[in-house]
Each structure stands twice: as C-alpha cells, then as structure tokens.
Amino acid sequence: MAEAGLDLSGAVPQLLSRELLERAGVTHCVLMGCGDACPMVPGRNIEIIEWKVPDPHGAGIEAVREIRDGLRARIDALIEEKGLTRRQQQ
C-alpha cells in the first residue's frame, strides 16, 4: 500500500461493529465478500454495498497489486456515482 501512497503502518484491523460505524459517521458501508453482516445503527440510514473481492492472502505481489488497483477504481467510481468527496488520510 505504501507504493500507492497509503501509510498503513499504524493501522490495526478492527471488527465491524455498531460503535465503529457510529464513530466513523459513515453514510455507506462497503462489505468485501467476507460474509460479515453490517451492524445497524439506529436512527441512521446507512447504505450497504457488497463487493466480491478476491482474498489477497497468499497471493503474489502482482495479484495483490491488481486487487488493490481494482479496489481503488471501484472506490473512485462509487465516490463519483454518489457525489461524495474523498476524505483525507488521517
């Protein structure tokens, strides 16, 4: 991800929870084929979007780059389609 300009060195995976969605203040939740359900947040209208994404675990670097770049293209298209703006990395 660093070669794509994203510093994930301090990132820690988190389970998707109601509390996480409430803190994030999101309007859309994209699930990527992991079979998880998106927790509902009472009083919030969150659009659930499901994408099938290959599991990069054990894949070679070229396959991982292809998955990463495909996700970037899908995210860019979603942002444009929904009239959203890209939030700056924190």
Protein backbone atom coordinates (compact mmCIF):
# COMPACT_ATOMS: atom_id res chain seq x y z
CA MET A 1 0.00 0.00 0.00
CA ALA A 2 2.95 2.31 0.61
CA GLU A 3 3.79 2.24 -3.09
CA ALA A 4 0.25 3.58 -3.70
CA GLY A 5 0.83 6.44 -1.25
CA LEU A 6 -1.05 4.93 1.70
CA ASP A 7 0.72 4.58 5.03
CA LEU A 8 -0.93 1.71 6.87
CA SER A 9 1.94 1.13 9.28
CA GLY A 10 -0.15 2.23 12.25
CA ALA A 11 -3.38 0.57 11.10
CA VAL A 12 -4.86 -2.21 13.18
CA PRO A 13 -7.66 -4.45 11.84
CA GLN A 14 -10.94 -3.96 13.67
CA LEU A 15 -14.15 -5.93 13.70
CA LEU A 16 -17.01 -4.04 12.10
CA SER A 17 -19.25 -3.01 14.97
CA ARG A 18 -22.09 -0.59 15.62
CA GLU A 19 -19.72 1.53 17.72
CA LEU A 20 -17.17 1.74 14.90
CA LEU A 21 -19.83 2.84 12.41
CA GLU A 22 -21.17 5.44 14.84
CA ARG A 23 -17.67 6.91 15.37
CA ALA A 24 -16.94 6.90 11.64
CA GLY A 25 -20.10 8.83 10.81
CA VAL A 26 -20.46 6.98 7.51
CA THR A 27 -23.37 7.03 5.07
CA HIS A 28 -22.18 3.97 3.12
CA CYS A 29 -20.74 0.64 4.25
CA VAL A 30 -18.90 -1.49 1.70
CA LEU A 31 -18.59 -5.18 2.53
CA MET A 32 -15.98 -7.07 0.53
CA GLY A 33 -17.12 -10.65 0.28
CA CYS A 34 -16.15 -11.69 3.80
CA GLY A 35 -19.64 -12.87 4.67
CA ASP A 36 -19.99 -10.43 7.57
CA ALA A 37 -23.17 -8.54 8.20
CA CYS A 38 -23.07 -4.79 8.58
CA PRO A 39 -24.35 -3.79 12.02
CA MET A 40 -27.30 -1.46 12.02
CA VAL A 41 -27.06 1.92 13.67
CA PRO A 42 -30.46 3.07 14.97
CA GLY A 43 -31.59 6.38 13.54
CA ARG A 44 -29.01 6.30 10.72
CA ASN A 45 -29.66 5.44 7.10
CA ILE A 46 -26.50 3.62 6.03
CA GLU A 47 -26.43 2.19 2.51
CA ILE A 48 -24.92 -1.30 2.44
CA ILE A 49 -22.90 -2.15 -0.67
CA GLU A 50 -21.43 -5.62 -1.23
CA TRP A 51 -18.42 -6.21 -3.47
CA LYS A 52 -16.89 -9.59 -4.23
CA VAL A 53 -13.13 -9.20 -3.82
CA PRO A 54 -10.51 -11.94 -4.13
CA ASP A 55 -8.68 -12.80 -0.92
CA PRO A 56 -5.10 -11.49 -1.24
CA HIS A 57 -3.78 -13.85 1.46
CA GLY A 58 -1.01 -15.92 -0.05
CA ALA A 59 -1.23 -14.22 -3.44
CA GLY A 60 1.86 -12.92 -5.20
CA ILE A 61 2.66 -9.21 -5.30
CA GLU A 62 1.27 -8.74 -8.83
CA ALA A 63 -2.06 -10.28 -7.83
CA VAL A 64 -2.21 -8.10 -4.71
CA ARG A 65 -1.47 -5.00 -6.80
CA GLU A 66 -4.27 -5.96 -9.18
CA ILE A 67 -6.72 -6.34 -6.27
CA ARG A 68 -5.57 -3.02 -4.76
CA ASP A 69 -5.84 -1.15 -8.05
CA GLY A 70 -9.24 -2.69 -8.77
CA LEU A 71 -10.49 -1.54 -5.38
CA ARG A 72 -9.17 1.96 -5.99
CA ALA A 73 -11.05 2.11 -9.31
CA ARG A 74 -14.26 0.87 -7.68
CA ILE A 75 -13.91 3.38 -4.83
CA ASP A 76 -13.32 6.24 -7.27
CA ALA A 77 -16.39 5.18 -9.28
CA LEU A 78 -18.51 4.94 -6.10
CA ILE A 79 -17.40 8.38 -4.95
CA GLU A 80 -18.32 9.87 -8.32
CA GLU A 81 -21.63 7.97 -8.56
CA LYS A 82 -22.77 9.05 -5.09
CA GLY A 83 -21.48 12.63 -5.40
CA LEU A 84 -19.23 12.13 -2.37
CA THR A 85 -15.84 13.65 -1.61
CA ARG A 86 -12.69 11.76 -0.70
CA ARG A 87 -11.70 12.20 2.95
CA GLN A 88 -8.01 12.89 3.53
CA GLN A 89 -5.98 10.13 5.18
CA GLN A 90 -5.62 10.80 8.88
